[in-house]
PDB file of N, CA and C in Angstrom:
ATOM      1  N   MET A   1       0.850  -1.183   0.000  1.00  0.00           N
ATOM      2  CA  MET A   1       0.000   0.000   0.000  1.00  0.00           C
ATOM      3  C   MET A   1       0.891   1.240   0.000  1.00  0.00           C
ATOM      4  N   ILE A   2       0.474   2.245  -0.728  1.00  0.00           N
ATOM      5  CA  ILE A   2       1.152   3.538  -0.714  1.00  0.00           C
ATOM      6  C   ILE A   2       0.199   4.572  -0.103  1.00  0.00           C
ATOM      7  N   LEU A   3       0.778   5.667   0.367  1.00  0.00           N
ATOM      8  CA  LEU A   3      -0.023   6.744   0.934  1.00  0.00           C
ATOM      9  C   LEU A   3       0.069   7.982   0.069  1.00  0.00           C
ATOM     10  N   GLU A   4      -1.074   8.513  -0.245  1.00  0.00           N
ATOM     11  CA  GLU A   4      -1.166   9.833  -0.877  1.00  0.00           C
ATOM     12  C   GLU A   4      -1.232  10.837   0.271  1.00  0.00           C
ATOM     13  N   HIS A   5      -0.381  11.836   0.220  1.00  0.00           N
ATOM     14  CA  HIS A   5      -0.291  12.866   1.252  1.00  0.00           C
ATOM     15  C   HIS A   5      -0.656  14.179   0.570  1.00  0.00           C
ATOM     16  N   ALA A   6      -1.740  14.814   0.989  1.00  0.00           N
ATOM     17  CA  ALA A   6      -2.168  16.061   0.366  1.00  0.00           C
ATOM     18  C   ALA A   6      -2.339  17.144   1.430  1.00  0.00           C
ATOM     19  N   LEU A   7      -1.644  18.262   1.234  1.00  0.00           N
ATOM     20  CA  LEU A   7      -1.839  19.428   2.075  1.00  0.00           C
ATOM     21  C   LEU A   7      -2.825  20.340   1.357  1.00  0.00           C
ATOM     22  N   ILE A   8      -3.925  20.620   2.022  1.00  0.00           N
ATOM     23  CA  ILE A   8      -5.011  21.400   1.413  1.00  0.00           C
ATOM     24  C   ILE A   8      -5.202  22.673   2.224  1.00  0.00           C
ATOM     25  N   ASN A   9      -4.995  23.807   1.585  1.00  0.00           N
ATOM     26  CA  ASN A   9      -5.268  25.102   2.201  1.00  0.00           C
ATOM     27  C   ASN A   9      -6.618  25.592   1.696  1.00  0.00           C
ATOM     28  N   ILE A  10      -7.525  25.862   2.643  1.00  0.00           N
ATOM     29  CA  ILE A  10      -8.854  26.335   2.245  1.00  0.00           C
ATOM     30  C   ILE A  10      -8.990  27.829   2.539  1.00  0.00           C
ATOM     31  N   ARG A  11      -9.991  28.426   1.903  1.00  0.00           N
ATOM     32  CA  ARG A  11     -10.262  29.846   2.137  1.00  0.00           C
ATOM     33  C   ARG A  11     -10.705  30.055   3.586  1.00  0.00           C
ATOM     34  N   PRO A  12     -10.231  31.097   4.245  1.00  0.00           N
ATOM     35  CA  PRO A  12     -10.646  31.368   5.625  1.00  0.00           C
ATOM     36  C   PRO A  12     -12.168  31.462   5.749  1.00  0.00           C
ATOM     37  N   GLY A  13     -12.660  30.941   6.855  1.00  0.00           N
ATOM     38  CA  GLY A  13     -14.097  31.026   7.141  1.00  0.00           C
ATOM     39  C   GLY A  13     -14.954  29.982   6.454  1.00  0.00           C
ATOM     40  N   THR A  14     -14.336  28.976   5.829  1.00  0.00           N
ATOM     41  CA  THR A  14     -15.135  27.969   5.107  1.00  0.00           C
ATOM     42  C   THR A  14     -14.994  26.567   5.707  1.00  0.00           C
ATOM     43  N   HIS A  15     -14.551  26.478   6.954  1.00  0.00           N
ATOM     44  CA  HIS A  15     -14.293  25.171   7.590  1.00  0.00           C
ATOM     45  C   HIS A  15     -15.519  24.262   7.578  1.00  0.00           C
ATOM     46  N   GLN A  16     -16.632  24.770   8.057  1.00  0.00           N
ATOM     47  CA  GLN A  16     -17.824  23.929   8.165  1.00  0.00           C
ATOM     48  C   GLN A  16     -18.276  23.433   6.797  1.00  0.00           C
ATOM     49  N   GLU A  17     -18.277  24.300   5.816  1.00  0.00           N
ATOM     50  CA  GLU A  17     -18.701  23.915   4.476  1.00  0.00           C
ATOM     51  C   GLU A  17     -17.734  22.914   3.853  1.00  0.00           C
ATOM     52  N   PHE A  18     -16.429  23.163   4.037  1.00  0.00           N
ATOM     53  CA  PHE A  18     -15.428  22.242   3.502  1.00  0.00           C
ATOM     54  C   PHE A  18     -15.570  20.865   4.141  1.00  0.00           C
ATOM     55  N   GLU A  19     -15.705  20.816   5.447  1.00  0.00           N
ATOM     56  CA  GLU A  19     -15.813  19.533   6.134  1.00  0.00           C
ATOM     57  C   GLU A  19     -17.077  18.782   5.743  1.00  0.00           C
ATOM     58  N   ALA A  20     -18.159  19.494   5.474  1.00  0.00           N
ATOM     59  CA  ALA A  20     -19.375  18.842   4.974  1.00  0.00           C
ATOM     60  C   ALA A  20     -19.146  18.320   3.556  1.00  0.00           C
ATOM     61  N   ALA A  21     -18.473  19.114   2.745  1.00  0.00           N
ATOM     62  CA  ALA A  21     -18.217  18.723   1.354  1.00  0.00           C
ATOM     63  C   ALA A  21     -17.276  17.529   1.271  1.00  0.00           C
ATOM     64  N   ILE A  22     -16.282  17.469   2.145  1.00  0.00           N
ATOM     65  CA  ILE A  22     -15.336  16.357   2.064  1.00  0.00           C
ATOM     66  C   ILE A  22     -15.987  15.053   2.508  1.00  0.00           C
ATOM     67  N   THR A  23     -17.030  15.144   3.310  1.00  0.00           N
ATOM     68  CA  THR A  23     -17.788  13.939   3.661  1.00  0.00           C
ATOM     69  C   THR A  23     -18.440  13.364   2.406  1.00  0.00           C
ATOM     70  N   LYS A  24     -18.991  14.214   1.564  1.00  0.00           N
ATOM     71  CA  LYS A  24     -19.568  13.760   0.282  1.00  0.00           C
ATOM     72  C   LYS A  24     -18.467  13.251  -0.647  1.00  0.00           C
ATOM     73  N   ALA A  25     -17.350  13.972  -0.683  1.00  0.00           N
ATOM     74  CA  ALA A  25     -16.241  13.574  -1.547  1.00  0.00           C
ATOM     75  C   ALA A  25     -15.665  12.228  -1.121  1.00  0.00           C
ATOM     76  N   ARG A  26     -15.681  11.946   0.166  1.00  0.00           N
ATOM     77  CA  ARG A  26     -15.179  10.659   0.656  1.00  0.00           C
ATOM     78  C   ARG A  26     -15.987   9.501   0.081  1.00  0.00           C
ATOM     79  N   GLU A  27     -17.274   9.677  -0.057  1.00  0.00           N
ATOM     80  CA  GLU A  27     -18.114   8.636  -0.662  1.00  0.00           C
ATOM     81  C   GLU A  27     -17.647   8.328  -2.084  1.00  0.00           C
ATOM     82  N   VAL A  28     -17.236   9.351  -2.803  1.00  0.00           N
ATOM     83  CA  VAL A  28     -16.774   9.182  -4.182  1.00  0.00           C
ATOM     84  C   VAL A  28     -15.449   8.432  -4.215  1.00  0.00           C
ATOM     85  N   ILE A  29     -14.476   8.890  -3.446  1.00  0.00           N
ATOM     86  CA  ILE A  29     -13.141   8.291  -3.495  1.00  0.00           C
ATOM     87  C   ILE A  29     -13.132   6.871  -2.935  1.00  0.00           C
ATOM     88  N   SER A  30     -13.949   6.620  -1.933  1.00  0.00           N
ATOM     89  CA  SER A  30     -13.940   5.293  -1.316  1.00  0.00           C
ATOM     90  C   SER A  30     -14.495   4.213  -2.242  1.00  0.00           C
ATOM     91  N   ALA A  31     -15.191   4.601  -3.295  1.00  0.00           N
ATOM     92  CA  ALA A  31     -15.714   3.641  -4.275  1.00  0.00           C
ATOM     93  C   ALA A  31     -14.705   3.357  -5.395  1.00  0.00           C
ATOM     94  N   ALA A  32     -13.585   4.061  -5.400  1.00  0.00           N
ATOM     95  CA  ALA A  32     -12.596   3.910  -6.471  1.00  0.00           C
ATOM     96  C   ALA A  32     -11.844   2.582  -6.340  1.00  0.00           C
ATOM     97  N   PRO A  33     -11.589   1.908  -7.465  1.00  0.00           N
ATOM     98  CA  PRO A  33     -10.768   0.700  -7.413  1.00  0.00           C
ATOM     99  C   PRO A  33      -9.385   1.027  -6.852  1.00  0.00           C
ATOM    100  N   GLY A  34      -8.916   0.186  -5.949  1.00  0.00           N
ATOM    101  CA  GLY A  34      -7.600   0.388  -5.358  1.00  0.00           C
ATOM    102  C   GLY A  34      -7.586   1.243  -4.106  1.00  0.00           C
ATOM    103  N   PHE A  35      -8.729   1.840  -3.741  1.00  0.00           N
ATOM    104  CA  PHE A  35      -8.814   2.655  -2.520  1.00  0.00           C
ATOM    105  C   PHE A  35      -8.687   1.746  -1.302  1.00  0.00           C
ATOM    106  N   CYS A  36      -7.908   2.183  -0.298  1.00  0.00           N
ATOM    107  CA  CYS A  36      -7.732   1.397   0.936  1.00  0.00           C
ATOM    108  C   CYS A  36      -8.177   2.127   2.206  1.00  0.00           C
ATOM    109  N   SER A  37      -7.840   3.409   2.323  1.00  0.00           N
ATOM    110  CA  SER A  37      -8.127   4.109   3.578  1.00  0.00           C
ATOM    111  C   SER A  37      -8.174   5.616   3.360  1.00  0.00           C
ATOM    112  N   PHE A  38      -8.705   6.311   4.352  1.00  0.00           N
ATOM    113  CA  PHE A  38      -8.911   7.758   4.272  1.00  0.00           C
ATOM    114  C   PHE A  38      -8.768   8.347   5.668  1.00  0.00           C
ATOM    115  N   ALA A  39      -7.985   9.409   5.809  1.00  0.00           N
ATOM    116  CA  ALA A  39      -7.877  10.138   7.076  1.00  0.00           C
ATOM    117  C   ALA A  39      -7.710  11.620   6.762  1.00  0.00           C
ATOM    118  N   LEU A  40      -8.422  12.449   7.502  1.00  0.00           N
ATOM    119  CA  LEU A  40      -8.330  13.890   7.324  1.00  0.00           C
ATOM    120  C   LEU A  40      -8.016  14.510   8.677  1.00  0.00           C
ATOM    121  N   HIS A  41      -7.018  15.395   8.695  1.00  0.00           N
ATOM    122  CA  HIS A  41      -6.599  16.088   9.908  1.00  0.00           C
ATOM    123  C   HIS A  41      -6.621  17.589   9.645  1.00  0.00           C
ATOM    124  N   ARG A  42      -7.045  18.352  10.647  1.00  0.00           N
ATOM    125  CA  ARG A  42      -7.061  19.813  10.536  1.00  0.00           C
ATOM    126  C   ARG A  42      -5.887  20.385  11.313  1.00  0.00           C
ATOM    127  N   GLY A  43      -5.227  21.385  10.736  1.00  0.00           N
ATOM    128  CA  GLY A  43      -4.086  22.008  11.384  1.00  0.00           C
ATOM    129  C   GLY A  43      -4.452  22.700  12.684  1.00  0.00           C
ATOM    130  N   ILE A  44      -3.551  22.638  13.628  1.00  0.00           N
ATOM    131  CA  ILE A  44      -3.747  23.330  14.904  1.00  0.00           C
ATOM    132  C   ILE A  44      -3.193  24.743  14.795  1.00  0.00           C
ATOM    133  N   GLU A  45      -1.928  24.857  14.415  1.00  0.00           N
ATOM    134  CA  GLU A  45      -1.332  26.184  14.273  1.00  0.00           C
ATOM    135  C   GLU A  45      -1.869  26.912  13.046  1.00  0.00           C
ATOM    136  N   MET A  46      -2.242  26.151  12.030  1.00  0.00           N
ATOM    137  CA  MET A  46      -2.773  26.724  10.782  1.00  0.00           C
ATOM    138  C   MET A  46      -4.141  26.090  10.509  1.00  0.00           C
ATOM    139  N   PRO A  47      -5.210  26.586  11.136  1.00  0.00           N
ATOM    140  CA  PRO A  47      -6.519  25.925  11.038  1.00  0.00           C
ATOM    141  C   PRO A  47      -7.154  25.946   9.653  1.00  0.00           C
ATOM    142  N   ASN A  48      -6.594  26.700   8.716  1.00  0.00           N
ATOM    143  CA  ASN A  48      -7.104  26.661   7.344  1.00  0.00           C
ATOM    144  C   ASN A  48      -6.385  25.605   6.515  1.00  0.00           C
ATOM    145  N   ARG A  49      -5.475  24.840   7.143  1.00  0.00           N
ATOM    146  CA  ARG A  49      -4.727  23.790   6.444  1.00  0.00           C
ATOM    147  C   ARG A  49      -5.185  22.419   6.932  1.00  0.00           C
ATOM    148  N   TYR A  50      -5.413  21.542   5.969  1.00  0.00           N
ATOM    149  CA  TYR A  50      -5.798  20.166   6.262  1.00  0.00           C
ATOM    150  C   TYR A  50      -4.763  19.219   5.674  1.00  0.00           C
ATOM    151  N   LEU A  51      -4.567  18.113   6.361  1.00  0.00           N
ATOM    152  CA  LEU A  51      -3.719  17.040   5.865  1.00  0.00           C
ATOM    153  C   LEU A  51      -4.636  15.868   5.540  1.00  0.00           C
ATOM    154  N   LEU A  52      -4.653  15.492   4.276  1.00  0.00           N
ATOM    155  CA  LEU A  52      -5.441  14.360   3.813  1.00  0.00           C
ATOM    156  C   LEU A  52      -4.482  13.219   3.498  1.00  0.00           C
ATOM    157  N   ILE A  53      -4.747  12.052   4.066  1.00  0.00           N
ATOM    158  CA  ILE A  53      -3.932  10.873   3.801  1.00  0.00           C
ATOM    159  C   ILE A  53      -4.858   9.779   3.278  1.00  0.00           C
ATOM    160  N   VAL A  54      -4.586   9.353   2.054  1.00  0.00           N
ATOM    161  CA  VAL A  54      -5.396   8.309   1.416  1.00  0.00           C
ATOM    162  C   VAL A  54      -4.492   7.124   1.114  1.00  0.00           C
ATOM    163  N   GLY A  55      -4.918   5.947   1.524  1.00  0.00           N
ATOM    164  CA  GLY A  55      -4.186   4.733   1.212  1.00  0.00           C
ATOM    165  C   GLY A  55      -4.677   4.143  -0.099  1.00  0.00           C
ATOM    166  N   TRP A  56      -3.748   3.747  -0.946  1.00  0.00           N
ATOM    167  CA  TRP A  56      -4.048   3.139  -2.242  1.00  0.00           C
ATOM    168  C   TRP A  56      -3.280   1.827  -2.372  1.00  0.00           C
ATOM    169  N   GLU A  57      -3.839   0.887  -3.103  1.00  0.00           N
ATOM    170  CA  GLU A  57      -3.152  -0.384  -3.340  1.00  0.00           C
ATOM    171  C   GLU A  57      -1.831  -0.173  -4.078  1.00  0.00           C
ATOM    172  N   SER A  58      -1.805   0.823  -4.951  1.00  0.00           N
ATOM    173  CA  SER A  58      -0.596   1.118  -5.725  1.00  0.00           C
ATOM    174  C   SER A  58      -0.638   2.579  -6.160  1.00  0.00           C
ATOM    175  N   LEU A  59       0.508   3.088  -6.592  1.00  0.00           N
ATOM    176  CA  LEU A  59       0.568   4.444  -7.117  1.00  0.00           C
ATOM    177  C   LEU A  59      -0.340   4.582  -8.334  1.00  0.00           C
ATOM    178  N   GLU A  60      -0.327   3.559  -9.182  1.00  0.00           N
ATOM    179  CA  GLU A  60      -1.145   3.587 -10.404  1.00  0.00           C
ATOM    180  C   GLU A  60      -2.644   3.599 -10.099  1.00  0.00           C
ATOM    181  N   ALA A  61      -3.056   2.979  -8.994  1.00  0.00           N
ATOM    182  CA  ALA A  61      -4.477   3.012  -8.622  1.00  0.00           C
ATOM    183  C   ALA A  61      -4.932   4.449  -8.418  1.00  0.00           C
ATOM    184  N   HIS A  62      -4.036   5.279  -7.892  1.00  0.00           N
ATOM    185  CA  HIS A  62      -4.374   6.679  -7.692  1.00  0.00           C
ATOM    186  C   HIS A  62      -4.174   7.505  -8.963  1.00  0.00           C
ATOM    187  N   THR A  63      -2.947   7.461  -9.514  1.00  0.00           N
ATOM    188  CA  THR A  63      -2.600   8.369 -10.610  1.00  0.00           C
ATOM    189  C   THR A  63      -3.233   7.982 -11.937  1.00  0.00           C
ATOM    190  N   ASP A  64      -3.250   6.701 -12.263  1.00  0.00           N
ATOM    191  CA  ASP A  64      -3.812   6.268 -13.546  1.00  0.00           C
ATOM    192  C   ASP A  64      -5.282   5.890 -13.429  1.00  0.00           C
ATOM    193  N   GLY A  65      -5.645   5.302 -12.298  1.00  0.00           N
ATOM    194  CA  GLY A  65      -7.023   4.863 -12.110  1.00  0.00           C
ATOM    195  C   GLY A  65      -7.946   5.998 -11.707  1.00  0.00           C
ATOM    196  N   PHE A  66      -7.824   6.442 -10.464  1.00  0.00           N
ATOM    197  CA  PHE A  66      -8.736   7.456  -9.942  1.00  0.00           C
ATOM    198  C   PHE A  66      -8.597   8.807 -10.630  1.00  0.00           C
ATOM    199  N   ARG A  67      -7.379   9.302 -10.749  1.00  0.00           N
ATOM    200  CA  ARG A  67      -7.188  10.653 -11.306  1.00  0.00           C
ATOM    201  C   ARG A  67      -7.600  10.761 -12.773  1.00  0.00           C
ATOM    202  N   GLN A  68      -7.604   9.672 -13.492  1.00  0.00           N
ATOM    203  CA  GLN A  68      -7.990   9.687 -14.903  1.00  0.00           C
ATOM    204  C   GLN A  68      -9.457   9.313 -15.106  1.00  0.00           C
ATOM    205  N   SER A  69     -10.185   9.127 -14.014  1.00  0.00           N
ATOM    206  CA  SER A  69     -11.584   8.690 -14.108  1.00  0.00           C
ATOM    207  C   SER A  69     -12.551   9.862 -13.944  1.00  0.00           C
ATOM    208  N   PRO A  70     -13.791   9.683 -14.377  1.00  0.00           N
ATOM    209  CA  PRO A  70     -14.808  10.712 -14.132  1.00  0.00           C
ATOM    210  C   PRO A  70     -15.048  10.969 -12.636  1.00  0.00           C
ATOM    211  N   ALA A  71     -14.749   9.985 -11.807  1.00  0.00           N
ATOM    212  CA  ALA A  71     -14.939  10.146 -10.362  1.00  0.00           C
ATOM    213  C   ALA A  71     -14.039  11.247  -9.801  1.00  0.00           C
ATOM    214  N   PHE A  72     -12.859  11.435 -10.401  1.00  0.00           N
ATOM    215  CA  PHE A  72     -11.960  12.486  -9.921  1.00  0.00           C
ATOM    216  C   PHE A  72     -12.604  13.866 -10.110  1.00  0.00           C
ATOM    217  N   ALA A  73     -13.233  14.083 -11.239  1.00  0.00           N
ATOM    218  CA  ALA A  73     -13.908  15.371 -11.470  1.00  0.00           C
ATOM    219  C   ALA A  73     -15.035  15.572 -10.467  1.00  0.00           C
ATOM    220  N   GLU A  74     -15.741  14.510 -10.148  1.00  0.00           N
ATOM    221  CA  GLU A  74     -16.808  14.616  -9.147  1.00  0.00           C
ATOM    222  C   GLU A  74     -16.214  14.924  -7.772  1.00  0.00           C
ATOM    223  N   TRP A  75     -15.138  14.234  -7.417  1.00  0.00           N
ATOM    224  CA  TRP A  75     -14.425  14.470  -6.153  1.00  0.00           C
ATOM    225  C   TRP A  75     -14.042  15.940  -6.021  1.00  0.00           C
ATOM    226  N   ARG A  76     -13.395  16.461  -7.070  1.00  0.00           N
ATOM    227  CA  ARG A  76     -12.944  17.853  -7.051  1.00  0.00           C
ATOM    228  C   ARG A  76     -14.112  18.833  -7.049  1.00  0.00           C
ATOM    229  N   SER A  77     -15.220  18.476  -7.649  1.00  0.00           N
ATOM    230  CA  SER A  77     -16.367  19.396  -7.664  1.00  0.00           C
ATOM    231  C   SER A  77     -16.903  19.634  -6.254  1.00  0.00           C
ATOM    232  N   HIS A  78     -16.732  18.669  -5.376  1.00  0.00           N
ATOM    233  CA  HIS A  78     -17.188  18.820  -3.992  1.00  0.00           C
ATOM    234  C   HIS A  78     -16.256  19.710  -3.178  1.00  0.00           C
ATOM    235  N   ILE A  79     -14.934  19.506  -3.326  1.00  0.00           N
ATOM    236  CA  ILE A  79     -13.998  20.197  -2.436  1.00  0.00           C
ATOM    237  C   ILE A  79     -13.207  21.323  -3.092  1.00  0.00           C
ATOM    238  N   GLY A  80     -13.075  21.278  -4.394  1.00  0.00           N
ATOM    239  CA  GLY A  80     -12.289  22.283  -5.114  1.00  0.00           C
ATOM    240  C   GLY A  80     -12.696  23.718  -4.871  1.00  0.00           C
ATOM    241  N   PRO A  81     -13.992  24.020  -4.761  1.00  0.00           N
ATOM    242  CA  PRO A  81     -14.390  25.413  -4.545  1.00  0.00           C
ATOM    243  C   PRO A  81     -13.858  26.036  -3.248  1.00  0.00           C
ATOM    244  N   PHE A  82     -13.389  25.210  -2.325  1.00  0.00           N
ATOM    245  CA  PHE A  82     -12.900  25.724  -1.050  1.00  0.00           C
ATOM    246  C   PHE A  82     -11.392  25.959  -1.030  1.00  0.00           C
ATOM    247  N   PHE A  83     -10.682  25.497  -2.058  1.00  0.00           N
ATOM    248  CA  PHE A  83      -9.226  25.616  -2.088  1.00  0.00           C
ATOM    249  C   PHE A  83      -8.798  27.079  -2.166  1.00  0.00           C
ATOM    250  N   ASP A  84      -7.855  27.449  -1.305  1.00  0.00           N
ATOM    251  CA  ASP A  84      -7.243  28.771  -1.364  1.00  0.00           C
ATOM    252  C   ASP A  84      -6.059  28.734  -2.332  1.00  0.00           C
ATOM    253  N   THR A  85      -5.365  27.607  -2.347  1.00  0.00           N
ATOM    254  CA  THR A  85      -4.250  27.353  -3.260  1.00  0.00           C
ATOM    255  C   THR A  85      -4.376  25.903  -3.729  1.00  0.00           C
ATOM    256  N   PRO A  86      -3.737  25.543  -4.831  1.00  0.00           N
ATOM    257  CA  PRO A  86      -3.784  24.140  -5.253  1.00  0.00           C
ATOM    258  C   PRO A  86      -3.166  23.236  -4.182  1.00  0.00           C
ATOM    259  N   PRO A  87      -3.760  22.060  -3.938  1.00  0.00           N
ATOM    260  CA  PRO A  87      -3.186  21.142  -2.954  1.00  0.00           C
ATOM    261  C   PRO A  87      -1.779  20.697  -3.352  1.00  0.00           C
ATOM    262  N   GLU A  88      -0.950  20.446  -2.339  1.00  0.00           N
ATOM    263  CA  GLU A  88       0.373  19.856  -2.545  1.00  0.00           C
ATOM    264  C   GLU A  88       0.214  18.352  -2.323  1.00  0.00           C
ATOM    265  N   VAL A  89       0.443  17.562  -3.362  1.00  0.00           N
ATOM    266  CA  VAL A  89       0.206  16.119  -3.286  1.00  0.00           C
ATOM    267  C   VAL A  89       1.483  15.360  -3.607  1.00  0.00           C
ATOM    268  N   ASP A  90       1.800  14.376  -2.759  1.00  0.00           N
ATOM    269  CA  ASP A  90       2.886  13.457  -3.051  1.00  0.00           C
ATOM    270  C   ASP A  90       2.536  12.093  -2.465  1.00  0.00           C
ATOM    271  N   HIS A  91       3.379  11.123  -2.743  1.00  0.00           N
ATOM    272  CA  HIS A  91       3.095   9.734  -2.385  1.00  0.00           C
ATOM    273  C   HIS A  91       4.244   9.137  -1.596  1.00  0.00           C
ATOM    274  N   TYR A  92       3.907   8.196  -0.702  1.00  0.00           N
ATOM    275  CA  TYR A  92       4.898   7.594   0.176  1.00  0.00           C
ATOM    276  C   TYR A  92       4.735   6.077   0.220  1.00  0.00           C
ATOM    277  N   ASP A  93       5.880   5.416   0.320  1.00  0.00           N
ATOM    278  CA  ASP A  93       5.986   3.972   0.507  1.00  0.00           C
ATOM    279  C   ASP A  93       6.412   3.720   1.939  1.00  0.00           C
ATOM    280  N   LEU A  94       5.843   2.718   2.590  1.00  0.00           N
ATOM    281  CA  LEU A  94       6.242   2.388   3.960  1.00  0.00           C
ATOM    282  C   LEU A  94       7.575   1.659   3.955  1.00  0.00           C
ATOM    283  N   LEU A  95       8.519   2.168   4.706  1.00  0.00           N
ATOM    284  CA  LEU A  95       9.823   1.515   4.843  1.00  0.00           C
ATOM    285  C   LEU A  95       9.931   0.759   6.158  1.00  0.00           C
ATOM    286  N   ALA A  96       9.391   1.326   7.221  1.00  0.00           N
ATOM    287  CA  ALA A  96       9.430   0.694   8.533  1.00  0.00           C
ATOM    288  C   ALA A  96       8.195   1.111   9.307  1.00  0.00           C
ATOM    289  N   GLY A  97       7.601   0.175  10.007  1.00  0.00           N
ATOM    290  CA  GLY A  97       6.406   0.485  10.780  1.00  0.00           C
ATOM    291  C   GLY A  97       6.681   0.436  12.264  1.00  0.00           C
ATOM    292  N   LEU A  98       5.760   0.979  13.016  1.00  0.00           N
ATOM    293  CA  LEU A  98       5.846   0.915  14.469  1.00  0.00           C
ATOM    294  C   LEU A  98       5.176  -0.365  14.940  1.00  0.00           C
ATOM    295  N   SER A  99       5.722  -0.980  15.927  1.00  0.00           N
ATOM    296  CA  SER A  99       5.099  -2.197  16.439  1.00  0.00           C
ATOM    297  C   SER A  99       4.683  -2.032  17.871  1.00  0.00           C
TER     298      SER A  99
END
């Protein structure tokens, strides 16, 4: 499994609307082939910043599968209007876990 790590900066004053919208967007992404997990965290020092972590079976499940599908446009239609800047997205492979 790989992790998609996305830093999302939203427009000030839109927290409640964004959090409601991402609940709808989660329904879309969770139906995607290769989807494994979803976690959203809100910044403490920077409350307009969110950290989204999505688990995928493979990098291709995200980049070639989901991002190239009509579901991606639907996903973005829910949360995109709240973006203050484009999200910073990268991917990670697990090298060592905690036991």
